[in-house]
Amino acid sequence: MDYTIIIADDHPLFRTALKSSVGHALKEPAIHEAGSIAELQMLLDNNASPDLILLDLHMPGAHGLSGLIFLRGQYPDVPVVIVSASDDQQIIQKTKNHGASGFIPKSTPLDDLKAAIIKVLDGENWWPDNFQPVDSKQSSDMEARLATLTPQQFRVLGMISEGLLNKQIAYDLNVSEATIKAHVTAIFKKLGVRSRTQAVIAIKALEIEMPGQVTEDHKTAD
């Protein structure tokens, strides 16, 4: 079977290494790469029709779990596996709660990584051997609301969180400012907020700390 895989990670060297690993695990897969949430959305908008998305939690346009929540809300039939520098038990549990099909620490041996990819493509889940599931609260109301945003609304919300004004967002997305205002109004209604500040606070609340992973590389992704 010919598979289509999307690798979403903001580090080119790691994408190259992961692409090589996926190529060894599968027979001539079609692999697409995205270095940001915006690029990932563009691939999905252009009908990449992936069989699997390998997603880094920390990349431009993402606020912790927001990228995963968006993907599960808008593309529920596409399995998403988190590939992360962390193997923190709480982070793994949170991604599982939000519908991830697996979690692969970047330190995972090559053979295990291959096995994980094949297992998920076969319709199963894959978690690290040391993962111990724990009871945790269900998704918050805000997380459920975020999952209802359309792809364009999520894109606009991400740009709002970066401090862009409606005029700048309209220019970047090549649409009218009136269209952006309509999106903003819809976003506020879906999230149950009344201002841009409240919307930004809502999405930033989804950020997660990576124990021992505060690096210069990730400062721009926070």
Protein backbone atom coordinates (compact mmCIF):
# COMPACT_ATOMS: atom_id res chain seq x y z
CA MET A 1 0.00 0.00 0.00
CA ASP A 2 1.23 3.49 -0.86
CA TYR A 3 1.17 5.78 2.18
CA THR A 4 1.17 9.55 2.44
CA ILE A 5 2.88 10.91 5.55
CA ILE A 6 3.21 14.50 6.79
CA ILE A 7 6.15 15.35 9.04
CA ALA A 8 5.47 18.58 10.94
CA ASP A 9 8.55 19.80 12.82
CA ASP A 10 10.39 23.11 12.75
CA HIS A 11 13.89 21.59 12.77
CA PRO A 12 15.04 20.75 9.20
CA LEU A 13 17.73 18.33 10.34
CA PHE A 14 15.30 16.34 12.42
CA ARG A 15 12.73 16.32 9.60
CA THR A 16 15.40 14.89 7.32
CA ALA A 17 16.30 12.18 9.84
CA LEU A 18 12.65 11.32 10.44
CA LYS A 19 11.95 11.28 6.71
CA SER A 20 14.76 8.74 6.28
CA SER A 21 13.36 6.59 9.10
CA VAL A 22 9.86 6.65 7.63
CA GLY A 23 11.31 5.75 4.24
CA HIS A 24 12.98 2.70 5.75
CA ALA A 25 9.83 1.65 7.60
CA LEU A 26 7.53 1.89 4.58
CA LYS A 27 7.85 1.09 0.90
CA GLU A 28 8.28 4.34 -1.06
CA PRO A 29 5.88 6.51 0.94
CA ALA A 30 4.90 9.99 -0.23
CA ILE A 31 6.34 12.28 2.44
CA HIS A 32 5.43 15.95 2.86
CA GLU A 33 7.21 18.28 5.27
CA ALA A 34 5.93 21.27 7.24
CA GLY A 35 8.02 23.57 9.39
CA SER A 36 5.09 25.39 10.99
CA ILE A 37 1.39 25.01 11.68
CA ALA A 38 0.70 27.37 8.77
CA GLU A 39 2.63 25.12 6.39
CA LEU A 40 0.83 22.07 7.79
CA GLN A 41 -2.53 23.71 7.17
CA MET A 42 -1.46 24.59 3.64
CA LEU A 43 -0.63 20.95 2.94
CA LEU A 44 -3.99 19.85 4.30
CA ASP A 45 -5.80 22.56 2.34
CA ASN A 46 -4.13 21.31 -0.83
CA ASN A 47 -5.56 17.84 -0.30
CA ALA A 48 -2.42 16.05 0.80
CA SER A 49 -4.80 13.37 2.20
CA PRO A 50 -2.28 11.97 4.68
CA ASP A 51 -2.51 8.53 6.21
CA LEU A 52 -0.51 9.79 9.19
CA ILE A 53 0.72 13.08 10.64
CA LEU A 54 3.88 13.11 12.75
CA LEU A 55 3.56 16.28 14.84
CA ASP A 56 5.96 18.20 17.06
CA LEU A 57 4.20 20.08 19.86
CA HIS A 58 6.63 23.01 19.80
CA MET A 59 6.72 24.73 16.43
CA PRO A 60 5.75 28.15 15.00
CA GLY A 61 2.00 28.67 15.15
CA ALA A 62 1.43 26.07 17.86
CA HIS A 63 0.72 26.67 21.50
CA GLY A 64 1.37 23.37 23.18
CA LEU A 65 -1.66 21.20 22.58
CA SER A 66 -3.46 23.62 20.24
CA GLY A 67 -2.15 22.01 17.04
CA LEU A 68 -3.21 18.53 18.15
CA ILE A 69 -6.64 19.75 19.30
CA PHE A 70 -7.18 21.49 15.96
CA LEU A 71 -6.20 18.42 13.96
CA ARG A 72 -8.44 16.11 15.97
CA GLY A 73 -11.33 18.54 15.60
CA GLN A 74 -11.04 19.14 11.86
CA TYR A 75 -9.40 15.93 10.59
CA PRO A 76 -10.68 13.25 12.99
CA ASP A 77 -9.99 10.39 10.57
CA VAL A 78 -6.27 11.16 10.23
CA PRO A 79 -4.13 9.58 12.98
CA VAL A 80 -1.71 11.98 14.66
CA VAL A 81 1.42 10.78 16.42
CA ILE A 82 3.35 13.24 18.59
CA VAL A 83 7.12 13.23 18.09
CA SER A 84 8.67 15.16 20.96
CA ALA A 85 11.94 15.91 22.70
CA SER A 86 10.17 15.16 25.97
CA ASP A 87 9.08 11.86 27.47
CA ASP A 88 7.31 13.47 30.41
CA GLN A 89 4.48 11.22 31.62
CA GLN A 90 1.99 14.05 32.10
CA ILE A 91 2.59 15.43 28.62
CA ILE A 92 2.13 11.98 27.10
CA GLN A 93 -1.09 11.56 29.06
CA LYS A 94 -2.39 14.92 27.88
CA THR A 95 -1.74 14.07 24.23
CA LYS A 96 -3.52 10.74 24.71
CA ASN A 97 -6.48 12.53 26.29
CA HIS A 98 -6.70 14.76 23.23
CA GLY A 99 -6.83 11.93 20.74
CA ALA A 100 -3.24 11.33 19.68
CA SER A 101 -2.66 7.84 18.29
CA GLY A 102 0.80 7.66 19.79
CA PHE A 103 3.76 9.48 21.30
CA ILE A 104 7.32 8.95 20.09
CA PRO A 105 10.14 10.57 22.10
CA LYS A 106 12.92 11.80 19.80
CA SER A 107 15.30 9.54 21.72
CA THR A 108 13.40 6.44 20.57
CA PRO A 109 15.62 3.82 18.85
CA LEU A 110 15.17 3.56 15.09
CA ASP A 111 13.69 0.06 15.17
CA ASP A 112 11.10 1.11 17.75
CA LEU A 113 10.23 4.20 15.72
CA LYS A 114 9.63 2.07 12.63
CA ALA A 115 7.49 -0.33 14.64
CA ALA A 116 5.47 2.55 16.06
CA ILE A 117 4.71 4.00 12.62
CA ILE A 118 3.65 0.65 11.20
CA LYS A 119 1.47 -0.11 14.23
CA VAL A 120 -0.39 3.20 13.99
CA LEU A 121 -0.91 2.79 10.24
CA ASP A 122 -2.43 -0.61 11.04
CA GLY A 123 -5.03 1.15 13.17
CA GLU A 124 -3.49 0.68 16.60
CA ASN A 125 -1.90 3.05 19.11
CA TRP A 126 1.71 3.22 20.25
CA TRP A 127 3.06 4.57 23.53
CA PRO A 128 6.55 4.38 25.07
CA ASP A 129 7.24 1.26 27.15
CA ASN A 130 7.74 3.39 30.27
CA PHE A 131 4.40 5.18 29.90
CA GLN A 132 2.11 4.62 32.87
CA PRO A 133 -1.43 5.89 32.15
CA VAL A 134 -2.88 7.97 34.97
CA ASP A 135 -6.33 9.25 35.74
CA SER A 136 -6.71 12.85 34.70
CA LYS A 137 -9.48 15.35 34.17
CA GLN A 138 -11.32 15.45 30.89
CA SER A 139 -10.79 18.15 28.30
CA SER A 140 -11.69 21.63 29.48
CA ASP A 141 -14.59 23.54 27.99
CA MET A 142 -12.15 25.87 26.23
CA GLU A 143 -10.30 22.95 24.62
CA ALA A 144 -13.60 21.58 23.32
CA ARG A 145 -14.49 25.01 21.94
CA LEU A 146 -11.12 25.34 20.22
CA ALA A 147 -11.74 22.06 18.39
CA THR A 148 -14.80 23.61 16.71
CA LEU A 149 -12.80 26.30 14.88
CA THR A 150 -12.58 25.94 11.12
CA PRO A 151 -9.10 25.75 9.55
CA GLN A 152 -9.25 29.43 8.55
CA GLN A 153 -10.49 30.51 11.97
CA PHE A 154 -7.69 28.57 13.66
CA ARG A 155 -5.19 30.21 11.30
CA VAL A 156 -6.56 33.66 12.18
CA LEU A 157 -6.50 32.90 15.91
CA GLY A 158 -2.86 31.88 15.64
CA MET A 159 -2.02 35.16 13.93
CA ILE A 160 -3.95 37.11 16.57
CA SER A 161 -1.87 35.36 19.24
CA GLU A 162 1.24 36.60 17.43
CA GLY A 163 0.01 40.18 17.85
CA LEU A 164 -1.01 40.84 14.24
CA LEU A 165 -3.78 43.35 13.52
CA ASN A 166 -6.76 42.59 11.28
CA LYS A 167 -5.21 44.61 8.46
CA GLN A 168 -1.97 42.61 8.65
CA ILE A 169 -3.80 39.28 8.82
CA ALA A 170 -5.92 40.22 5.80
CA TYR A 171 -2.79 41.08 3.83
CA ASP A 172 -1.00 37.87 4.77
CA LEU A 173 -4.03 35.70 3.92
CA ASN A 174 -4.88 37.71 0.79
CA VAL A 175 -8.46 38.41 1.85
CA SER A 176 -10.40 41.55 2.76
CA GLU A 177 -10.23 43.11 6.19
CA ALA A 178 -14.01 42.66 6.42
CA THR A 179 -13.51 38.91 6.01
CA ILE A 180 -11.03 38.86 8.86
CA LYS A 181 -13.39 40.86 11.07
CA ALA A 182 -16.09 38.26 10.37
CA HIS A 183 -13.68 35.47 11.31
CA VAL A 184 -12.70 37.27 14.51
CA THR A 185 -16.36 37.69 15.47
CA ALA A 186 -16.99 33.98 14.85
CA ILE A 187 -13.88 33.03 16.84
CA PHE A 188 -14.97 35.13 19.82
CA LYS A 189 -18.43 33.53 19.72
CA LYS A 190 -17.09 29.97 19.53
CA LEU A 191 -14.54 30.52 22.30
CA GLY A 192 -16.97 32.46 24.48
CA VAL A 193 -14.65 35.47 24.77
CA ARG A 194 -15.18 39.17 24.16
CA SER A 195 -11.76 40.48 23.23
CA ARG A 196 -8.53 39.65 21.45
CA THR A 197 -6.76 39.59 24.80
CA GLN A 198 -9.14 36.97 26.18
CA ALA A 199 -8.73 34.89 23.00
CA VAL A 200 -4.93 35.01 23.32
CA ILE A 201 -5.11 34.04 27.00
CA ALA A 202 -7.33 31.10 26.05
CA ILE A 203 -4.96 29.67 23.47
CA LYS A 204 -1.83 30.32 25.55
CA ALA A 205 -3.41 28.34 28.39
CA LEU A 206 -2.87 25.27 26.22
CA GLU A 207 0.90 25.67 26.29
CA ILE A 208 2.84 23.00 28.11
CA GLU A 209 6.22 23.18 29.77
CA MET A 210 8.89 20.83 28.51
CA PRO A 211 10.91 19.75 31.56
CA GLY A 212 14.57 20.43 30.94
CA GLN A 213 13.86 21.58 27.40
CA VAL A 214 14.01 25.37 27.66
CA THR A 215 16.33 26.05 24.75
CA GLU A 216 17.04 28.89 22.40
CA ASP A 217 15.60 26.82 19.55
CA HIS A 218 12.20 26.75 21.15
CA LYS A 219 11.93 30.32 22.38
CA THR A 220 10.54 31.48 19.06
CA ALA A 221 7.96 28.68 19.09
CA ASP A 222 6.54 29.57 22.49
